[in-house]
Amino acid sequence: MAKITVKANGPYLVSGAEIVDETGTPFPVEAGKPVALCRCGASQRKPFCDGTHVK
């Protein structure tokens, strides 16, 4: 089951889900590890968080 944790002033942490783009192509992510998705829009690694929101 997918789990999404909203971090205060930070990214969405997603675990147990496949991350795909608008065409359904999966992003390469390490199985079993949570990923951080950008929610500020400033990341250079979209859709993944690169910590830019801290600056």
Protein backbone atom coordinates (compact mmCIF):
# COMPACT_ATOMS: atom_id res chain seq x y z
CA MET A 1 0.00 0.00 0.00
CA ALA A 2 1.29 3.48 -0.86
CA LYS A 3 2.00 5.92 1.93
CA ILE A 4 2.46 9.70 1.49
CA THR A 5 3.83 11.75 4.38
CA VAL A 6 3.62 15.54 4.12
CA LYS A 7 6.65 17.10 5.76
CA ALA A 8 6.19 20.57 7.27
CA ASN A 9 7.82 23.08 4.90
CA GLY A 10 9.37 20.21 2.98
CA PRO A 11 8.71 17.50 0.42
CA TYR A 12 6.15 14.74 0.18
CA LEU A 13 7.74 11.46 1.29
CA VAL A 14 6.31 8.60 -0.76
CA SER A 15 6.82 4.92 -0.05
CA GLY A 16 5.32 1.76 -1.47
CA ALA A 17 4.35 3.33 -4.79
CA GLU A 18 5.63 3.41 -8.34
CA ILE A 19 6.35 6.97 -9.52
CA VAL A 20 5.43 7.55 -13.18
CA ASP A 21 5.36 10.57 -15.52
CA GLU A 22 2.34 11.81 -17.49
CA THR A 23 2.87 9.14 -20.16
CA GLY A 24 3.07 6.31 -17.62
CA THR A 25 6.84 5.89 -17.91
CA PRO A 26 8.27 4.99 -14.50
CA PHE A 27 10.99 7.08 -12.90
CA PRO A 28 13.94 4.97 -11.75
CA VAL A 29 13.70 4.69 -7.97
CA GLU A 30 15.26 2.17 -5.61
CA ALA A 31 12.69 -0.42 -4.58
CA GLY A 32 11.72 -0.32 -0.93
CA LYS A 33 13.17 3.14 -0.29
CA PRO A 34 10.95 6.18 0.20
CA VAL A 35 11.39 9.07 -2.24
CA ALA A 36 10.99 12.79 -1.62
CA LEU A 37 8.80 14.61 -4.14
CA CYS A 38 9.17 18.37 -4.60
CA ARG A 39 6.19 20.50 -3.64
CA CYS A 40 7.80 23.97 -3.84
CA GLY A 41 8.44 23.83 -7.60
CA ALA A 42 12.05 25.02 -7.36
CA SER A 43 13.87 21.67 -7.53
CA GLN A 44 16.29 21.10 -10.40
CA ARG A 45 15.54 17.34 -10.15
CA LYS A 46 11.74 17.45 -10.57
CA PRO A 47 9.68 15.62 -9.59
CA PHE A 48 12.18 14.79 -6.84
CA CYS A 49 13.16 17.17 -4.04
CA ASP A 50 16.74 18.45 -4.09
CA GLY A 51 16.48 20.58 -0.93
CA THR A 52 16.15 23.91 -2.77
CA HIS A 53 13.20 24.87 -0.53
CA VAL A 54 15.64 25.33 2.36
CA LYS A 55 17.47 28.18 0.61
